Amino acid sequence: MMNYDLIVIGSGPAGRRAAIQAAKLGKKVLVVEKGSRVGGVSVHTGTIPSKTLRETALNLTGWRERGFYGRSYRVKQEISADDLRRRLLITLDHEVEVLEHQFARNRVHHLRGRAEFVDRNTLSIEKNDGEVVRVTATSILLAIGTRPYRPDSIPFDGEKIIDSDELLEIQEIPVR
């Protein structure tokens, strides 16, 4: 069984910063992320994707350059969901590379899997390949992120009424 000074469950902004800071202070650190890649909600469904989509739309429509080139200026005439998704994937790949490099540079170990408490200092982690490992730590930080609020009074249907996570999966750009 591996022993750590700190185990962080979740690799979003809070978990990432806590793990790297602890490692810089000489602590042995493990980050456990249930997602397929490090970064948490901020990188995969929240802040970075939403800003990337906005900036891509502004760029492809030529919105920012219209003052110079005129109101009819466009970088691309027809913008598709694939155009937006392609740019989003490039940005997300870059962000994940940066995070993985930060972990490696600071000697932060990371596992992909689901963590469950066995006792106050022990976790059982089911890795994505099905293997189960047990780890212990002096301290365990829960930084498990968020998910969109979906009140029962709103009829989410995944097509016309979507949440911020579903927005990233749209197949077509809505028409006015």
N, C-alpha and C. Protein backbone atom coordinates (compact mmCIF):
# COMPACT_ATOMS: atom_id res chain seq x y z
N MET A 1 0.85 -1.18 0.00
CA MET A 1 0.00 0.00 0.00
C MET A 1 0.90 1.24 0.00
N MET A 2 0.58 2.18 -0.90
CA MET A 2 1.35 3.42 -0.99
C MET A 2 0.86 4.42 0.05
N ASN A 3 1.81 5.16 0.63
CA ASN A 3 1.47 6.16 1.63
C ASN A 3 1.89 7.55 1.13
N TYR A 4 1.03 8.53 1.31
CA TYR A 4 1.27 9.90 0.87
C TYR A 4 1.06 10.86 2.03
N ASP A 5 1.63 12.05 1.89
CA ASP A 5 1.33 13.11 2.85
C ASP A 5 -0.04 13.70 2.55
N LEU A 6 -0.35 13.84 1.25
CA LEU A 6 -1.62 14.42 0.82
C LEU A 6 -2.16 13.67 -0.38
N ILE A 7 -3.43 13.32 -0.31
CA ILE A 7 -4.14 12.80 -1.48
C ILE A 7 -5.22 13.82 -1.80
N VAL A 8 -5.28 14.22 -3.06
CA VAL A 8 -6.30 15.16 -3.53
C VAL A 8 -7.23 14.40 -4.46
N ILE A 9 -8.51 14.44 -4.15
CA ILE A 9 -9.50 13.82 -5.03
C ILE A 9 -10.09 14.93 -5.89
N GLY A 10 -9.74 14.90 -7.17
CA GLY A 10 -10.18 15.93 -8.12
C GLY A 10 -9.01 16.76 -8.61
N SER A 11 -8.95 16.97 -9.92
CA SER A 11 -7.81 17.69 -10.50
C SER A 11 -8.20 19.02 -11.13
N GLY A 12 -9.31 19.59 -10.67
CA GLY A 12 -9.70 20.92 -11.14
C GLY A 12 -8.81 21.98 -10.52
N PRO A 13 -9.19 23.24 -10.64
CA PRO A 13 -8.33 24.33 -10.17
C PRO A 13 -7.92 24.21 -8.70
N ALA A 14 -8.86 23.91 -7.81
CA ALA A 14 -8.53 23.82 -6.38
C ALA A 14 -7.61 22.64 -6.11
N GLY A 15 -7.96 21.47 -6.65
CA GLY A 15 -7.15 20.28 -6.43
C GLY A 15 -5.76 20.41 -7.00
N ARG A 16 -5.69 20.94 -8.21
CA ARG A 16 -4.40 21.12 -8.88
C ARG A 16 -3.49 22.05 -8.07
N ARG A 17 -4.03 23.18 -7.64
CA ARG A 17 -3.21 24.15 -6.90
C ARG A 17 -2.76 23.60 -5.55
N ALA A 18 -3.66 22.92 -4.87
CA ALA A 18 -3.30 22.33 -3.58
C ALA A 18 -2.21 21.28 -3.74
N ALA A 19 -2.35 20.43 -4.74
CA ALA A 19 -1.38 19.36 -4.97
C ALA A 19 0.00 19.92 -5.30
N ILE A 20 0.05 20.88 -6.20
CA ILE A 20 1.33 21.45 -6.61
C ILE A 20 1.98 22.22 -5.47
N GLN A 21 1.19 22.97 -4.72
CA GLN A 21 1.76 23.72 -3.60
C GLN A 21 2.31 22.78 -2.54
N ALA A 22 1.57 21.72 -2.23
CA ALA A 22 2.05 20.75 -1.24
C ALA A 22 3.35 20.09 -1.72
N ALA A 23 3.40 19.76 -3.01
CA ALA A 23 4.61 19.14 -3.55
C ALA A 23 5.79 20.11 -3.47
N LYS A 24 5.54 21.39 -3.74
CA LYS A 24 6.61 22.39 -3.64
C LYS A 24 7.11 22.54 -2.21
N LEU A 25 6.27 22.18 -1.24
CA LEU A 25 6.66 22.22 0.17
C LEU A 25 7.30 20.90 0.61
N GLY A 26 7.58 20.04 -0.36
CA GLY A 26 8.27 18.79 -0.06
C GLY A 26 7.38 17.62 0.33
N LYS A 27 6.09 17.75 0.15
CA LYS A 27 5.16 16.68 0.51
C LYS A 27 5.02 15.68 -0.63
N LYS A 28 4.76 14.43 -0.27
CA LYS A 28 4.49 13.38 -1.25
C LYS A 28 2.99 13.42 -1.55
N VAL A 29 2.64 13.67 -2.82
CA VAL A 29 1.25 13.98 -3.18
C VAL A 29 0.74 13.05 -4.28
N LEU A 30 -0.52 12.65 -4.13
CA LEU A 30 -1.23 11.89 -5.15
C LEU A 30 -2.52 12.62 -5.49
N VAL A 31 -2.82 12.75 -6.78
CA VAL A 31 -4.09 13.30 -7.24
C VAL A 31 -4.87 12.15 -7.88
N VAL A 32 -6.14 12.01 -7.48
CA VAL A 32 -7.02 11.00 -8.06
C VAL A 32 -8.09 11.73 -8.87
N GLU A 33 -8.21 11.38 -10.14
CA GLU A 33 -9.19 12.02 -11.03
C GLU A 33 -10.05 10.93 -11.67
N LYS A 34 -11.37 11.03 -11.52
CA LYS A 34 -12.25 10.02 -12.10
C LYS A 34 -12.45 10.21 -13.60
N GLY A 35 -12.24 11.43 -14.08
CA GLY A 35 -12.39 11.69 -15.51
C GLY A 35 -11.29 11.03 -16.31
N SER A 36 -11.46 10.99 -17.62
CA SER A 36 -10.45 10.34 -18.46
C SER A 36 -9.17 11.16 -18.58
N ARG A 37 -9.26 12.45 -18.25
CA ARG A 37 -8.07 13.31 -18.32
C ARG A 37 -8.08 14.28 -17.14
N VAL A 38 -6.90 14.74 -16.75
CA VAL A 38 -6.80 15.70 -15.65
C VAL A 38 -7.40 17.04 -16.08
N GLY A 39 -7.77 17.85 -15.10
CA GLY A 39 -8.26 19.19 -15.39
C GLY A 39 -9.60 19.50 -14.78
N GLY A 40 -10.41 18.49 -14.52
CA GLY A 40 -11.69 18.71 -13.89
C GLY A 40 -12.66 19.51 -14.75
N VAL A 41 -13.70 19.99 -14.10
CA VAL A 41 -14.77 20.73 -14.77
C VAL A 41 -14.24 21.98 -15.46
N SER A 42 -13.31 22.66 -14.83
CA SER A 42 -12.77 23.91 -15.40
C SER A 42 -12.23 23.71 -16.80
N VAL A 43 -11.52 22.62 -17.00
CA VAL A 43 -10.90 22.37 -18.31
C VAL A 43 -11.87 21.70 -19.27
N HIS A 44 -12.70 20.78 -18.80
CA HIS A 44 -13.45 19.93 -19.72
C HIS A 44 -14.88 20.36 -20.00
N THR A 45 -15.55 21.03 -19.08
CA THR A 45 -16.94 21.42 -19.35
C THR A 45 -17.27 22.83 -18.89
N GLY A 46 -16.39 23.49 -18.21
CA GLY A 46 -16.73 24.79 -17.63
C GLY A 46 -16.03 25.96 -18.25
N THR A 47 -15.16 26.57 -17.50
CA THR A 47 -14.54 27.84 -17.84
C THR A 47 -13.85 27.84 -19.20
N ILE A 48 -12.90 26.96 -19.38
CA ILE A 48 -12.10 27.00 -20.62
C ILE A 48 -12.95 26.67 -21.85
N PRO A 49 -13.78 25.62 -21.83
CA PRO A 49 -14.61 25.38 -23.02
C PRO A 49 -15.55 26.54 -23.37
N SER A 50 -16.20 27.12 -22.36
CA SER A 50 -17.14 28.20 -22.67
C SER A 50 -16.43 29.41 -23.25
N LYS A 51 -15.27 29.75 -22.71
CA LYS A 51 -14.51 30.90 -23.22
C LYS A 51 -13.94 30.60 -24.61
N THR A 52 -13.51 29.36 -24.82
CA THR A 52 -12.99 28.97 -26.13
C THR A 52 -14.08 29.06 -27.19
N LEU A 53 -15.27 28.57 -26.87
CA LEU A 53 -16.38 28.64 -27.84
C LEU A 53 -16.71 30.09 -28.17
N ARG A 54 -16.76 30.95 -27.14
CA ARG A 54 -17.07 32.37 -27.38
C ARG A 54 -16.00 33.00 -28.26
N GLU A 55 -14.74 32.80 -27.93
CA GLU A 55 -13.66 33.41 -28.70
C GLU A 55 -13.59 32.88 -30.12
N THR A 56 -13.87 31.59 -30.29
CA THR A 56 -13.87 30.99 -31.63
C THR A 56 -14.99 31.60 -32.47
N ALA A 57 -16.17 31.76 -31.88
CA ALA A 57 -17.29 32.36 -32.61
C ALA A 57 -16.96 33.80 -32.99
N LEU A 58 -16.38 34.56 -32.06
CA LEU A 58 -16.01 35.94 -32.38
C LEU A 58 -14.96 36.00 -33.48
N ASN A 59 -14.01 35.08 -33.44
CA ASN A 59 -12.97 35.05 -34.46
C ASN A 59 -13.52 34.67 -35.83
N LEU A 60 -14.27 33.55 -35.89
CA LEU A 60 -14.75 33.06 -37.19
C LEU A 60 -15.79 33.99 -37.82
N THR A 61 -16.56 34.69 -37.01
CA THR A 61 -17.53 35.62 -37.58
C THR A 61 -16.87 36.94 -37.99
N GLY A 62 -15.64 37.15 -37.56
CA GLY A 62 -14.94 38.39 -37.89
C GLY A 62 -15.41 39.58 -37.07
N TRP A 63 -16.14 39.32 -35.99
CA TRP A 63 -16.75 40.38 -35.19
C TRP A 63 -15.77 41.46 -34.79
N ARG A 64 -14.61 41.08 -34.29
CA ARG A 64 -13.65 42.06 -33.78
C ARG A 64 -12.98 42.88 -34.88
N GLU A 65 -12.93 42.35 -36.08
CA GLU A 65 -12.25 43.05 -37.18
C GLU A 65 -13.19 43.91 -38.01
N ARG A 66 -14.48 43.87 -37.71
CA ARG A 66 -15.46 44.60 -38.53
C ARG A 66 -15.26 46.11 -38.50
N GLY A 67 -14.75 46.62 -37.40
CA GLY A 67 -14.50 48.06 -37.32
C GLY A 67 -13.47 48.49 -38.35
N PHE A 68 -12.54 47.61 -38.67
CA PHE A 68 -11.48 47.92 -39.63
C PHE A 68 -11.88 47.55 -41.06
N TYR A 69 -12.46 46.34 -41.24
CA TYR A 69 -12.76 45.83 -42.58
C TYR A 69 -14.19 46.11 -43.04
N GLY A 70 -15.06 46.54 -42.14
CA GLY A 70 -16.45 46.79 -42.52
C GLY A 70 -17.39 45.74 -41.94
N ARG A 71 -18.67 46.11 -41.88
CA ARG A 71 -19.67 45.26 -41.22
C ARG A 71 -19.89 43.91 -41.89
N SER A 72 -19.60 43.78 -43.14
CA SER A 72 -19.86 42.51 -43.84
C SER A 72 -18.69 41.53 -43.73
N TYR A 73 -17.60 41.93 -43.08
CA TYR A 73 -16.42 41.07 -42.99
C TYR A 73 -16.70 39.82 -42.16
N ARG A 74 -16.28 38.65 -42.68
CA ARG A 74 -16.37 37.37 -41.97
C ARG A 74 -15.12 36.56 -42.32
N VAL A 75 -14.58 35.84 -41.34
CA VAL A 75 -13.45 34.95 -41.60
C VAL A 75 -13.94 33.72 -42.34
N LYS A 76 -15.13 33.25 -41.94
CA LYS A 76 -15.71 32.07 -42.56
C LYS A 76 -17.19 32.31 -42.77
N GLN A 77 -17.68 32.02 -43.95
CA GLN A 77 -19.07 32.31 -44.28
C GLN A 77 -20.03 31.46 -43.46
N GLU A 78 -19.87 30.15 -43.50
CA GLU A 78 -20.75 29.24 -42.76
C GLU A 78 -19.95 28.59 -41.63
N ILE A 79 -20.39 28.79 -40.41
CA ILE A 79 -19.71 28.22 -39.25
C ILE A 79 -20.54 27.03 -38.76
N SER A 80 -19.86 25.89 -38.58
CA SER A 80 -20.56 24.69 -38.12
C SER A 80 -20.16 24.33 -36.70
N ALA A 81 -20.92 23.43 -36.12
CA ALA A 81 -20.58 22.92 -34.78
C ALA A 81 -19.23 22.23 -34.83
N ASP A 82 -18.90 21.59 -35.95
CA ASP A 82 -17.59 20.94 -36.09
C ASP A 82 -16.45 21.95 -36.06
N ASP A 83 -16.66 23.13 -36.64
CA ASP A 83 -15.64 24.18 -36.57
C ASP A 83 -15.35 24.55 -35.11
N LEU A 84 -16.41 24.72 -34.35
CA LEU A 84 -16.26 25.08 -32.94
C LEU A 84 -15.62 23.94 -32.16
N ARG A 85 -16.07 22.71 -32.39
CA ARG A 85 -15.56 21.55 -31.68
C ARG A 85 -14.08 21.32 -31.98
N ARG A 86 -13.68 21.50 -33.23
CA ARG A 86 -12.27 21.31 -33.62
C ARG A 86 -11.36 22.25 -32.84
N ARG A 87 -11.73 23.52 -32.78
CA ARG A 87 -10.93 24.49 -32.03
C ARG A 87 -10.94 24.17 -30.54
N LEU A 88 -12.09 23.75 -30.03
CA LEU A 88 -12.21 23.40 -28.62
C LEU A 88 -11.27 22.24 -28.26
N LEU A 89 -11.23 21.21 -29.10
CA LEU A 89 -10.38 20.05 -28.82
C LEU A 89 -8.90 20.42 -28.83
N ILE A 90 -8.50 21.29 -29.74
CA ILE A 90 -7.11 21.75 -29.78
C ILE A 90 -6.76 22.46 -28.47
N THR A 91 -7.65 23.33 -28.02
CA THR A 91 -7.42 24.09 -26.79
C THR A 91 -7.38 23.16 -25.58
N LEU A 92 -8.32 22.24 -25.48
CA LEU A 92 -8.37 21.33 -24.34
C LEU A 92 -7.15 20.42 -24.29
N ASP A 93 -6.72 19.92 -25.45
CA ASP A 93 -5.51 19.08 -25.50
C ASP A 93 -4.32 19.85 -24.95
N HIS A 94 -4.21 21.11 -25.35
CA HIS A 94 -3.10 21.94 -24.87
C HIS A 94 -3.17 22.12 -23.35
N GLU A 95 -4.35 22.42 -22.82
CA GLU A 95 -4.51 22.62 -21.38
C GLU A 95 -4.15 21.36 -20.60
N VAL A 96 -4.58 20.20 -21.07
CA VAL A 96 -4.27 18.94 -20.39
C VAL A 96 -2.77 18.70 -20.41
N GLU A 97 -2.12 18.96 -21.53
CA GLU A 97 -0.65 18.82 -21.61
C GLU A 97 0.04 19.70 -20.58
N VAL A 98 -0.41 20.93 -20.45
CA VAL A 98 0.18 21.85 -19.47
C VAL A 98 0.02 21.30 -18.06
N LEU A 99 -1.18 20.82 -17.73
CA LEU A 99 -1.43 20.29 -16.39
C LEU A 99 -0.60 19.05 -16.10
N GLU A 100 -0.54 18.13 -17.06
CA GLU A 100 0.26 16.92 -16.86
C GLU A 100 1.73 17.27 -16.69
N HIS A 101 2.20 18.26 -17.43
CA HIS A 101 3.59 18.71 -17.29
C HIS A 101 3.83 19.32 -15.91
N GLN A 102 2.87 20.11 -15.41
CA GLN A 102 3.00 20.69 -14.07
C GLN A 102 3.09 19.60 -13.01
N PHE A 103 2.24 18.59 -13.13
CA PHE A 103 2.29 17.48 -12.18
C PHE A 103 3.65 16.78 -12.25
N ALA A 104 4.11 16.48 -13.45
CA ALA A 104 5.38 15.77 -13.60
C ALA A 104 6.54 16.62 -13.07
N ARG A 105 6.56 17.89 -13.41
CA ARG A 105 7.65 18.78 -13.00
C ARG A 105 7.72 18.90 -11.47
N ASN A 106 6.57 18.82 -10.81
CA ASN A 106 6.52 18.96 -9.35
C ASN A 106 6.44 17.61 -8.63
N ARG A 107 6.62 16.53 -9.36
CA ARG A 107 6.60 15.18 -8.80
C ARG A 107 5.28 14.85 -8.09
N VAL A 108 4.18 15.28 -8.68
CA VAL A 108 2.85 14.94 -8.17
C VAL A 108 2.41 13.69 -8.92
N HIS A 109 2.13 12.61 -8.18
CA HIS A 109 1.62 11.40 -8.81
C HIS A 109 0.14 11.59 -9.11
N HIS A 110 -0.36 10.92 -10.14
CA HIS A 110 -1.80 10.97 -10.37
C HIS A 110 -2.32 9.64 -10.91
N LEU A 111 -3.52 9.32 -10.48
CA LEU A 111 -4.21 8.11 -10.91
C LEU A 111 -5.57 8.50 -11.47
N ARG A 112 -6.00 7.74 -12.46
CA ARG A 112 -7.35 7.94 -12.98
C ARG A 112 -8.22 6.82 -12.40
N GLY A 113 -9.28 7.22 -11.73
CA GLY A 113 -10.18 6.23 -11.14
C GLY A 113 -11.10 6.87 -10.13
N ARG A 114 -11.93 6.04 -9.51
CA ARG A 114 -12.90 6.49 -8.51
C ARG A 114 -12.40 6.14 -7.12
N ALA A 115 -12.35 7.14 -6.26
CA ALA A 115 -11.86 6.95 -4.90
C ALA A 115 -13.03 6.77 -3.94
N GLU A 116 -12.83 5.90 -2.96
CA GLU A 116 -13.83 5.66 -1.92
C GLU A 116 -13.10 5.52 -0.59
N PHE A 117 -13.63 6.17 0.43
CA PHE A 117 -13.00 6.07 1.75
C PHE A 117 -13.18 4.68 2.34
N VAL A 118 -12.08 4.15 2.87
CA VAL A 118 -12.12 2.92 3.65
C VAL A 118 -12.16 3.31 5.12
N ASP A 119 -11.33 4.28 5.48
CA ASP A 119 -11.37 4.91 6.80
C ASP A 119 -10.85 6.34 6.61
N ARG A 120 -10.65 7.06 7.68
CA ARG A 120 -10.31 8.49 7.55
C ARG A 120 -8.99 8.76 6.85
N ASN A 121 -8.09 7.78 6.77
CA ASN A 121 -6.80 7.99 6.13
C ASN A 121 -6.52 7.02 4.99
N THR A 122 -7.50 6.20 4.63
CA THR A 122 -7.29 5.18 3.60
C THR A 122 -8.35 5.30 2.52
N LEU A 123 -7.90 5.21 1.28
CA LEU A 123 -8.82 5.22 0.13
C LEU A 123 -8.65 3.93 -0.65
N SER A 124 -9.76 3.45 -1.18
CA SER A 124 -9.75 2.38 -2.15
C SER A 124 -10.02 3.05 -3.49
N ILE A 125 -9.14 2.84 -4.44
CA ILE A 125 -9.30 3.50 -5.75
C ILE A 125 -9.48 2.44 -6.82
N GLU A 126 -10.63 2.50 -7.49
CA GLU A 126 -10.85 1.62 -8.63
C GLU A 126 -10.38 2.37 -9.87
N LYS A 127 -9.26 1.91 -10.41
CA LYS A 127 -8.69 2.57 -11.58
C LYS A 127 -9.55 2.29 -12.80
N ASN A 128 -9.36 3.08 -13.83
CA ASN A 128 -10.18 2.97 -15.03
C ASN A 128 -10.05 1.61 -15.71
N ASP A 129 -8.94 0.90 -15.45
CA ASP A 129 -8.77 -0.43 -16.05
C ASP A 129 -9.36 -1.54 -15.17
N GLY A 130 -10.02 -1.16 -14.04
CA GLY A 130 -10.66 -2.12 -13.17
C GLY A 130 -9.83 -2.55 -11.97
N GLU A 131 -8.53 -2.30 -12.01
CA GLU A 131 -7.68 -2.65 -10.88
C GLU A 131 -8.05 -1.79 -9.67
N VAL A 132 -8.02 -2.39 -8.48
CA VAL A 132 -8.32 -1.66 -7.25
C VAL A 132 -7.05 -1.57 -6.43
N VAL A 133 -6.71 -0.35 -6.02
CA VAL A 133 -5.52 -0.13 -5.19
C VAL A 133 -5.96 0.60 -3.92
N ARG A 134 -5.21 0.38 -2.86
CA ARG A 134 -5.45 1.10 -1.61
C ARG A 134 -4.27 2.02 -1.35
N VAL A 135 -4.59 3.22 -0.92
CA VAL A 135 -3.56 4.21 -0.59
C VAL A 135 -3.93 4.88 0.73
N THR A 136 -2.92 5.36 1.43
CA THR A 136 -3.16 6.07 2.68
C THR A 136 -2.50 7.43 2.62
N ALA A 137 -2.99 8.34 3.45
CA ALA A 137 -2.42 9.68 3.52
C ALA A 137 -2.69 10.28 4.88
N THR A 138 -1.80 11.17 5.27
CA THR A 138 -2.00 11.95 6.49
C THR A 138 -3.20 12.86 6.31
N SER A 139 -3.32 13.46 5.12
CA SER A 139 -4.43 14.38 4.81
C SER A 139 -5.04 14.02 3.47
N ILE A 140 -6.35 14.18 3.38
CA ILE A 140 -7.07 13.94 2.12
C ILE A 140 -7.94 15.16 1.85
N LEU A 141 -7.79 15.73 0.66
CA LEU A 141 -8.55 16.91 0.26
C LEU A 141 -9.59 16.52 -0.79
N LEU A 142 -10.84 16.88 -0.55
CA LEU A 142 -11.90 16.65 -1.53
C LEU A 142 -12.05 17.91 -2.37
N ALA A 143 -11.75 17.79 -3.64
CA ALA A 143 -11.88 18.90 -4.59
C ALA A 143 -12.61 18.35 -5.81
N ILE A 144 -13.85 17.94 -5.60
CA ILE A 144 -14.56 17.11 -6.57
C ILE A 144 -15.39 17.87 -7.60
N GLY A 145 -15.32 19.18 -7.59
CA GLY A 145 -15.94 19.95 -8.66
C GLY A 145 -17.43 20.14 -8.54
N THR A 146 -18.03 20.47 -9.68
CA THR A 146 -19.45 20.83 -9.72
C THR A 146 -20.12 20.17 -10.91
N ARG A 147 -21.41 20.34 -10.98
CA ARG A 147 -22.18 19.94 -12.16
C ARG A 147 -23.30 20.96 -12.33
N PRO A 148 -23.85 21.07 -13.53
CA PRO A 148 -24.89 22.08 -13.76
C PRO A 148 -26.12 21.84 -12.89
N TYR A 149 -26.72 22.92 -12.43
CA TYR A 149 -27.97 22.85 -11.68
C TYR A 149 -29.10 22.65 -12.67
N ARG A 150 -29.92 21.65 -12.44
CA ARG A 150 -31.03 21.34 -13.33
C ARG A 150 -32.33 21.27 -12.53
N PRO A 151 -32.98 22.42 -12.31
CA PRO A 151 -34.22 22.40 -11.54
C PRO A 151 -35.30 21.57 -12.24
N ASP A 152 -36.10 20.89 -11.44
CA ASP A 152 -37.18 20.05 -11.98
C ASP A 152 -38.19 20.84 -12.79
N SER A 153 -38.30 22.15 -12.52
CA SER A 153 -39.29 22.97 -13.20
C SER A 153 -38.89 23.32 -14.65
N ILE A 154 -37.68 22.99 -15.03
CA ILE A 154 -37.22 23.28 -16.40
C ILE A 154 -37.13 21.96 -17.15
N PRO A 155 -37.81 21.82 -18.29
CA PRO A 155 -37.86 20.55 -19.02
C PRO A 155 -36.64 20.32 -19.93
N PHE A 156 -35.50 20.05 -19.33
CA PHE A 156 -34.30 19.78 -20.13
C PHE A 156 -34.57 18.58 -21.03
N ASP A 157 -34.26 18.73 -22.33
CA ASP A 157 -34.51 17.64 -23.27
C ASP A 157 -33.26 17.26 -24.05
N GLY A 158 -32.15 17.94 -23.79
CA GLY A 158 -30.91 17.61 -24.48
C GLY A 158 -30.85 18.09 -25.92
N GLU A 159 -31.90 18.78 -26.36
CA GLU A 159 -31.94 19.24 -27.74
C GLU A 159 -32.19 20.74 -27.83
N LYS A 160 -33.36 21.18 -27.38
CA LYS A 160 -33.68 22.60 -27.41
C LYS A 160 -33.41 23.28 -26.07
N ILE A 161 -33.54 22.51 -24.99
CA ILE A 161 -33.25 23.03 -23.66
C ILE A 161 -32.11 22.19 -23.09
N ILE A 162 -30.94 22.82 -23.00
CA ILE A 162 -29.73 22.09 -22.61
C ILE A 162 -29.02 22.80 -21.46
N ASP A 163 -28.17 22.05 -20.77
CA ASP A 163 -27.36 22.68 -19.73
C ASP A 163 -25.97 22.96 -20.31
N SER A 164 -25.10 23.53 -19.51
CA SER A 164 -23.78 23.95 -20.01
C SER A 164 -22.91 22.77 -20.41
N ASP A 165 -23.10 21.60 -19.82
CA ASP A 165 -22.34 20.42 -20.24
C ASP A 165 -22.82 19.93 -21.60
N GLU A 166 -24.13 19.91 -21.80
CA GLU A 166 -24.70 19.44 -23.07
C GLU A 166 -24.36 20.37 -24.23
N LEU A 167 -24.13 21.63 -23.94
CA LEU A 167 -23.77 22.59 -24.98
C LEU A 167 -22.55 22.12 -25.77
N LEU A 168 -21.62 21.48 -25.09
CA LEU A 168 -20.39 21.04 -25.74
C LEU A 168 -20.60 19.87 -26.68
N GLU A 169 -21.79 19.26 -26.63
CA GLU A 169 -22.08 18.09 -27.46
C GLU A 169 -23.05 18.39 -28.61
N ILE A 170 -23.42 19.65 -28.80
CA ILE A 170 -24.40 19.95 -29.85
C ILE A 170 -23.86 19.56 -31.22
N GLN A 171 -24.76 19.10 -32.06
CA GLN A 171 -24.39 18.67 -33.41
C GLN A 171 -24.55 19.78 -34.44
N GLU A 172 -25.45 20.73 -34.15
CA GLU A 172 -25.70 21.85 -35.05
C GLU A 172 -25.81 23.13 -34.24
N ILE A 173 -25.42 24.22 -34.85
CA ILE A 173 -25.56 25.52 -34.19
C ILE A 173 -27.01 25.96 -34.32
N PRO A 174 -27.64 26.33 -33.21
CA PRO A 174 -29.05 26.75 -33.28
C PRO A 174 -29.24 27.96 -34.20
N VAL A 175 -30.36 27.99 -34.86
CA VAL A 175 -30.71 29.11 -35.72
C VAL A 175 -31.61 30.04 -34.91
N ARG A 176 -31.47 31.34 -35.15
CA ARG A 176 -32.27 32.31 -34.39
C ARG A 176 -33.71 32.00 -34.36
